[in-house]
Amino acid sequence: MFLTAPKTEQLDRQVSQNSIPRDLFKAIADLKKDLNAVILAHYYQDPDLQDIADYIGDSLGLSQAAVNCQADVIVFLGVHFMAETAKILNPNRLVLLPDLDAGCSLADSCPPARFAKFKAEHPDHMVISYINCSADIKALSDIICTSANAVAIVNQIPKDQPIIFAPDRNLGRYVIEQTGRDMLLWDGACIVHEIFSERKLIQLKLSHPEADIIAHPECEANVLRHADFIGSTTGLLKYVQKSDRQEFIVVTESGVIHQMQKASPSKKFIPAPPNSNCACNECPYMRLNTLEKVYLAMKNRSPEIVLDESIRQAALKPMQRMLEMSA
């Protein structure tokens, strides 16, 4: 059911150096001006990619930025479902994703055909889907949510309305705890947020007793119970900026630490360890995007995100409901 990581050959692909300028930052800036493009980047991207972005954010912020976009071209530095979301909201704009193989294990854990059958088995249930899903799943949903607004969205639904929450079971469990709602959960998860080790987290806390543990709600319950603060990626960033603490153990994809360090250079940020010696707290899909691929995507105006119009329109409705309920 789960994809564990992109194939090695996908990660190791070499971009032809013949067409790559030495100063990629300048070349990308020039192309951005020529194309009237905007670059949107998720917090989990490599630092260099975050630094060239016009807007950096989590899924909710990026969705809102895509809606308000005035550019002709959107260059999305994230994973496939995020670029799809931008296309859903901007059908007449060119949306580029530097590497089409930049997928998402959570999105892949919810195959559309299986989910459609699951939904049909519970016809009285409203479907609230986490934005980390494919356009096909969005099209099968009533409302989309993000980790930043999931609790608020569910709290706006009448108490007597049964709910299916998909695809992330861990976020779903967290929302149940926060709202008291008895939701039916799809059994999906993110490979990065499932990999954190409770034992190693406790050991790290013992080594840094003054550090706050901050965690994303996609993490498993046994990890979340040790957190001093649980929040979306943007929520975590705001928390460390406002906190008087000087040390933080960060239990989410480690790319966000770049922005934390920029915003609070005097503070120390410690990435939470996975349950092995791998760099599994870095999303292998997010890391498929590179400066070279960004340059080539903008130069060639490809790879482009293309959606079936019927799917796009069906997916747009629950996205619009989310944005209206989050205003």
Protein backbone atom coordinates (compact mmCIF):
# COMPACT_ATOMS: atom_id res chain seq x y z
CA MET A 1 0.00 0.00 0.00
CA PHE A 2 2.86 2.39 0.78
CA LEU A 3 5.71 3.59 -1.37
CA THR A 4 8.83 3.60 0.79
CA ALA A 5 10.98 5.97 -1.27
CA PRO A 6 11.70 7.00 -4.83
CA LYS A 7 13.80 4.51 -6.78
CA THR A 8 17.54 4.93 -6.44
CA GLU A 9 17.98 5.63 -10.14
CA GLN A 10 15.43 8.43 -9.87
CA LEU A 11 17.34 10.03 -7.04
CA ASP A 12 20.66 9.62 -8.88
CA ARG A 13 19.61 10.96 -12.26
CA GLN A 14 22.09 13.44 -13.65
CA VAL A 15 20.92 16.60 -15.39
CA SER A 16 22.93 17.40 -18.54
CA GLN A 17 25.54 20.00 -17.63
CA ASN A 18 25.84 21.37 -21.17
CA SER A 19 22.80 23.61 -20.75
CA ILE A 20 23.30 24.62 -17.11
CA PRO A 21 24.72 28.12 -16.49
CA ARG A 22 27.26 28.64 -13.74
CA ASP A 23 25.18 31.19 -11.85
CA LEU A 24 21.89 29.38 -11.43
CA PHE A 25 20.47 31.96 -9.05
CA LYS A 26 20.84 34.74 -11.63
CA ALA A 27 19.64 32.53 -14.48
CA ILE A 28 16.49 31.56 -12.57
CA ALA A 29 15.86 35.19 -11.61
CA ASP A 30 16.17 36.22 -15.27
CA LEU A 31 13.79 33.48 -16.39
CA LYS A 32 11.31 34.42 -13.68
CA LYS A 33 11.22 37.96 -15.04
CA ASP A 34 10.96 36.82 -18.67
CA LEU A 35 8.13 34.39 -17.92
CA ASN A 36 6.31 36.61 -15.42
CA ALA A 37 6.61 33.66 -13.07
CA VAL A 38 6.14 33.21 -9.36
CA ILE A 39 8.04 30.58 -7.39
CA LEU A 40 6.17 28.88 -4.54
CA ALA A 41 8.13 26.63 -2.19
CA HIS A 42 7.23 24.37 0.68
CA TYR A 43 9.16 24.52 3.95
CA TYR A 44 10.46 20.99 3.34
CA GLN A 45 12.49 21.94 0.25
CA ASP A 46 16.28 22.27 0.29
CA PRO A 47 17.51 25.63 1.65
CA ASP A 48 18.66 26.87 -1.78
CA LEU A 49 15.18 26.31 -3.18
CA GLN A 50 13.56 28.07 -0.26
CA ASP A 51 15.88 31.02 -0.80
CA ILE A 52 14.81 31.55 -4.44
CA ALA A 53 11.09 31.40 -3.65
CA ASP A 54 8.73 34.36 -3.75
CA TYR A 55 6.56 32.64 -1.16
CA ILE A 56 7.43 29.92 1.33
CA GLY A 57 4.71 28.19 3.28
CA ASP A 58 2.82 25.12 4.37
CA SER A 59 -0.03 23.56 2.41
CA LEU A 60 -2.65 26.10 3.53
CA GLY A 61 -0.42 29.10 2.93
CA LEU A 62 0.65 27.81 -0.47
CA SER A 63 -2.99 27.23 -1.47
CA GLN A 64 -3.87 30.78 -0.47
CA ALA A 65 -0.82 32.13 -2.32
CA ALA A 66 -1.84 30.20 -5.44
CA VAL A 67 -5.33 31.73 -5.31
CA ASN A 68 -3.90 35.24 -5.07
CA CYS A 69 -1.27 34.68 -7.73
CA GLN A 70 -1.00 37.30 -10.49
CA ALA A 71 1.77 35.61 -12.49
CA ASP A 72 1.46 33.86 -15.84
CA VAL A 73 3.55 30.90 -14.68
CA ILE A 74 3.64 29.14 -11.31
CA VAL A 75 6.82 27.21 -10.52
CA PHE A 76 6.00 24.88 -7.66
CA LEU A 77 8.83 23.68 -5.46
CA GLY A 78 7.17 20.89 -3.56
CA VAL A 79 5.58 17.57 -4.42
CA HIS A 80 3.07 16.54 -7.04
CA PHE A 81 -0.17 16.96 -5.08
CA MET A 82 0.86 20.53 -4.17
CA ALA A 83 1.44 21.46 -7.81
CA GLU A 84 -1.87 19.79 -8.68
CA THR A 85 -3.55 22.00 -6.07
CA ALA A 86 -2.07 25.09 -7.70
CA LYS A 87 -3.42 23.92 -11.07
CA ILE A 88 -6.85 23.21 -9.59
CA LEU A 89 -6.98 26.82 -8.42
CA ASN A 90 -5.31 28.28 -11.54
CA PRO A 91 -6.59 26.42 -14.62
CA ASN A 92 -5.43 29.09 -17.07
CA ARG A 93 -1.89 29.39 -15.75
CA LEU A 94 1.10 27.26 -16.62
CA VAL A 95 2.07 25.26 -13.51
CA LEU A 96 5.52 23.71 -13.54
CA LEU A 97 6.93 21.04 -11.22
CA PRO A 98 10.71 20.58 -11.67
CA ASP A 99 10.51 16.80 -11.21
CA LEU A 100 7.27 14.93 -11.88
CA ASP A 101 8.59 12.02 -9.79
CA ALA A 102 8.36 14.23 -6.68
CA GLY A 103 5.38 12.35 -5.31
CA CYS A 104 4.09 11.75 -1.80
CA SER A 105 3.88 8.52 0.20
CA LEU A 106 0.76 9.76 2.00
CA ALA A 107 -1.03 10.63 -1.24
CA ASP A 108 -0.01 7.26 -2.70
CA SER A 109 -1.45 5.46 0.33
CA CYS A 110 -4.96 6.41 -0.84
CA PRO A 111 -5.63 4.90 -4.30
CA PRO A 112 -8.68 6.57 -5.89
CA ALA A 113 -10.49 3.35 -6.88
CA ARG A 114 -10.19 1.85 -3.41
CA PHE A 115 -11.20 5.09 -1.75
CA ALA A 116 -14.23 5.47 -4.03
CA LYS A 117 -15.38 2.00 -2.97
CA PHE A 118 -14.76 2.87 0.71
CA LYS A 119 -16.78 6.05 0.34
CA ALA A 120 -19.63 4.18 -1.37
CA GLU A 121 -19.83 1.83 1.60
CA HIS A 122 -20.58 4.83 3.87
CA PRO A 123 -23.00 6.97 1.83
CA ASP A 124 -24.20 8.98 4.82
CA HIS A 125 -20.67 10.22 5.65
CA MET A 126 -19.21 13.58 4.67
CA VAL A 127 -15.66 13.26 3.32
CA ILE A 128 -13.04 15.62 4.72
CA SER A 129 -9.70 15.01 3.05
CA TYR A 130 -6.32 16.30 4.11
CA ILE A 131 -4.81 18.35 1.31
CA ASN A 132 -1.94 15.83 1.07
CA CYS A 133 -3.88 13.76 -1.45
CA SER A 134 -4.21 13.48 -5.22
CA ALA A 135 -6.58 15.53 -7.36
CA ASP A 136 -8.67 12.36 -7.79
CA ILE A 137 -9.17 12.07 -4.02
CA LYS A 138 -9.97 15.78 -3.75
CA ALA A 139 -12.62 15.25 -6.42
CA LEU A 140 -14.20 12.55 -4.22
CA SER A 141 -14.23 14.85 -1.16
CA ASP A 142 -16.71 17.31 0.30
CA ILE A 143 -14.17 19.53 2.06
CA ILE A 144 -10.38 19.74 2.00
CA CYS A 145 -8.38 20.63 5.11
CA THR A 146 -4.76 21.16 6.08
CA SER A 147 -2.95 20.42 9.31
CA ALA A 148 -3.31 24.12 10.13
CA ASN A 149 -7.10 24.21 9.85
CA ALA A 150 -8.27 20.59 10.25
CA VAL A 151 -9.56 21.06 13.81
CA ALA A 152 -11.35 24.30 12.91
CA ILE A 153 -12.91 22.71 9.81
CA VAL A 154 -14.22 19.68 11.72
CA ASN A 155 -15.57 21.91 14.49
CA GLN A 156 -17.73 23.70 11.90
CA ILE A 157 -19.48 20.47 10.85
CA PRO A 158 -22.79 19.65 12.62
CA LYS A 159 -22.31 17.15 15.44
CA ASP A 160 -24.79 14.68 13.96
CA GLN A 161 -23.01 14.54 10.59
CA PRO A 162 -20.84 11.38 10.24
CA ILE A 163 -17.38 12.09 8.82
CA ILE A 164 -14.81 10.14 6.84
CA PHE A 165 -11.36 11.64 7.34
CA ALA A 166 -8.71 10.78 4.77
CA PRO A 167 -5.97 9.94 4.04
CA ASP A 168 -3.79 10.47 7.15
CA ARG A 169 -4.78 8.33 10.12
CA ASN A 170 -2.39 10.10 12.48
CA LEU A 171 -3.71 13.58 11.73
CA GLY A 172 -7.20 12.11 11.92
CA ARG A 173 -6.57 10.69 15.40
CA TYR A 174 -5.19 14.05 16.53
CA VAL A 175 -8.29 15.84 15.22
CA ILE A 176 -10.52 13.32 17.02
CA GLU A 177 -8.68 14.06 20.27
CA GLN A 178 -9.04 17.81 19.79
CA THR A 179 -12.68 17.84 18.69
CA GLY A 180 -14.23 14.82 20.38
CA ARG A 181 -15.69 13.71 17.03
CA ASP A 182 -15.98 10.00 16.22
CA MET A 183 -14.63 10.06 12.66
CA LEU A 184 -14.04 7.13 10.33
CA LEU A 185 -10.36 7.16 9.34
CA TRP A 186 -8.73 6.02 6.11
CA ASP A 187 -5.58 4.02 6.91
CA GLY A 188 -2.87 6.19 5.31
CA ALA A 189 0.33 7.76 6.63
CA CYS A 190 3.47 9.71 5.71
CA ILE A 191 6.73 7.74 5.65
CA VAL A 192 8.67 10.65 7.16
CA HIS A 193 6.34 11.35 10.07
CA GLU A 194 5.94 7.65 10.87
CA ILE A 195 9.70 7.07 11.10
CA PHE A 196 10.41 9.07 14.27
CA SER A 197 11.58 6.96 17.19
CA GLU A 198 9.92 7.48 20.57
CA ARG A 199 12.88 5.87 22.34
CA LYS A 200 15.42 8.10 20.62
CA LEU A 201 13.23 11.15 21.19
CA ILE A 202 13.19 10.46 24.93
CA GLN A 203 16.97 10.00 24.92
CA LEU A 204 17.39 13.28 23.06
CA LYS A 205 15.17 15.08 25.57
CA LEU A 206 17.28 13.71 28.42
CA SER A 207 20.37 15.16 26.70
CA HIS A 208 18.61 18.50 26.18
CA PRO A 209 16.31 18.91 29.20
CA GLU A 210 15.70 22.60 28.51
CA ALA A 211 14.52 21.99 24.96
CA ASP A 212 10.87 22.10 23.94
CA ILE A 213 9.69 19.23 21.78
CA ILE A 214 7.62 20.54 18.88
CA ALA A 215 5.84 18.11 16.55
CA HIS A 216 3.63 17.93 13.48
CA PRO A 217 0.26 16.17 13.99
CA GLU A 218 1.10 13.69 11.19
CA CYS A 219 3.38 11.97 13.74
CA GLU A 220 2.21 8.87 15.57
CA ALA A 221 0.39 9.23 18.89
CA ASN A 222 3.24 7.75 20.97
CA VAL A 223 5.52 10.53 19.68
CA LEU A 224 2.96 13.33 19.98
CA ARG A 225 2.39 12.60 23.65
CA HIS A 226 5.91 13.86 24.41
CA ALA A 227 5.43 17.16 22.56
CA ASP A 228 5.28 20.50 24.30
CA PHE A 229 3.61 21.94 21.21
CA ILE A 230 1.80 20.31 18.27
CA GLY A 231 1.08 22.28 15.15
CA SER A 232 1.25 22.68 11.40
CA THR A 233 4.57 23.54 9.81
CA THR A 234 3.74 27.24 9.95
CA GLY A 235 2.45 26.81 13.48
CA LEU A 236 5.76 25.29 14.56
CA LEU A 237 7.67 28.15 12.97
CA LYS A 238 5.56 30.77 14.73
CA TYR A 239 5.88 28.94 18.04
CA VAL A 240 9.68 29.00 18.07
CA GLN A 241 9.71 32.68 17.14
CA LYS A 242 7.47 33.61 20.07
CA SER A 243 8.89 31.20 22.64
CA ASP A 244 11.43 32.24 25.26
CA ARG A 245 13.06 28.82 24.99
CA GLN A 246 16.47 28.66 23.35
CA GLU A 247 16.46 25.00 22.28
CA PHE A 248 13.90 23.01 20.31
CA ILE A 249 13.69 19.38 19.25
CA VAL A 250 11.90 19.49 15.90
CA VAL A 251 9.74 16.46 15.08
CA THR A 252 8.86 16.98 11.44
CA GLU A 253 10.69 17.09 8.11
CA SER A 254 13.99 18.80 8.84
CA GLY A 255 13.77 21.24 5.92
CA VAL A 256 11.73 23.62 8.06
CA ILE A 257 14.75 24.19 10.32
CA HIS A 258 16.25 26.46 7.63
CA GLN A 259 13.45 28.98 8.13
CA MET A 260 13.55 28.56 11.90
CA GLN A 261 17.24 29.41 11.95
CA LYS A 262 16.72 32.42 9.68
CA ALA A 263 13.93 33.75 11.88
CA SER A 264 15.64 32.96 15.22
CA PRO A 265 19.42 32.77 14.60
CA SER A 266 20.30 32.74 18.29
CA LYS A 267 18.25 29.63 19.01
CA LYS A 268 19.24 25.98 18.61
CA PHE A 269 17.15 23.53 16.58
CA ILE A 270 17.71 19.79 16.85
CA PRO A 271 16.11 17.48 14.27
CA ALA A 272 14.36 14.53 15.90
CA PRO A 273 16.03 11.21 15.06
CA PRO A 274 14.37 8.49 12.98
CA ASN A 275 14.24 4.87 14.16
CA SER A 276 17.31 3.97 12.10
CA ASN A 277 20.59 5.55 11.07
CA CYS A 278 19.21 6.83 7.75
CA ALA A 279 18.33 10.42 6.90
CA CYS A 280 14.67 9.39 6.95
CA ASN A 281 13.58 12.66 8.57
CA GLU A 282 14.19 14.18 5.12
CA CYS A 283 11.45 13.50 2.58
CA PRO A 284 13.10 11.78 -0.40
CA TYR A 285 10.37 13.06 -2.70
CA MET A 286 10.78 16.70 -1.67
CA ARG A 287 14.52 16.42 -2.24
CA LEU A 288 14.11 15.40 -5.89
CA ASN A 289 13.73 19.07 -6.82
CA THR A 290 17.06 20.84 -7.44
CA LEU A 291 18.23 24.22 -8.69
CA GLU A 292 19.28 22.63 -11.97
CA LYS A 293 15.83 21.13 -12.48
CA VAL A 294 14.15 24.41 -11.59
CA TYR A 295 16.23 26.18 -14.23
CA LEU A 296 15.48 23.58 -16.90
CA ALA A 297 11.76 23.52 -16.07
CA MET A 298 11.55 27.28 -16.49
CA LYS A 299 13.72 27.29 -19.62
CA ASN A 300 11.73 24.50 -21.29
CA ARG A 301 8.34 25.41 -19.75
CA SER A 302 8.11 21.75 -18.76
CA PRO A 303 7.26 19.47 -16.92
CA GLU A 304 3.78 20.94 -16.82
CA ILE A 305 0.95 19.85 -14.53
CA VAL A 306 -2.05 18.85 -16.63
CA LEU A 307 -5.39 17.79 -15.16
CA ASP A 308 -8.56 16.38 -16.67
CA GLU A 309 -11.02 19.28 -16.56
CA SER A 310 -13.83 17.22 -15.01
CA ILE A 311 -11.50 16.12 -12.20
CA ARG A 312 -10.23 19.67 -11.75
CA GLN A 313 -13.73 21.11 -11.43
CA ALA A 314 -14.80 18.39 -9.00
CA ALA A 315 -11.66 18.95 -6.91
CA LEU A 316 -12.11 22.72 -6.96
CA LYS A 317 -15.38 22.66 -5.01
CA PRO A 318 -13.99 21.13 -1.77
CA MET A 319 -10.91 23.37 -2.08
CA GLN A 320 -13.13 26.44 -2.29
CA ARG A 321 -15.10 25.26 0.73
CA MET A 322 -11.88 24.98 2.70
CA LEU A 323 -10.73 28.45 1.73
CA GLU A 324 -14.16 29.90 2.62
CA MET A 325 -14.17 28.13 6.00
CA SER A 326 -10.59 29.29 6.69
CA ALA A 327 -11.16 32.96 5.87
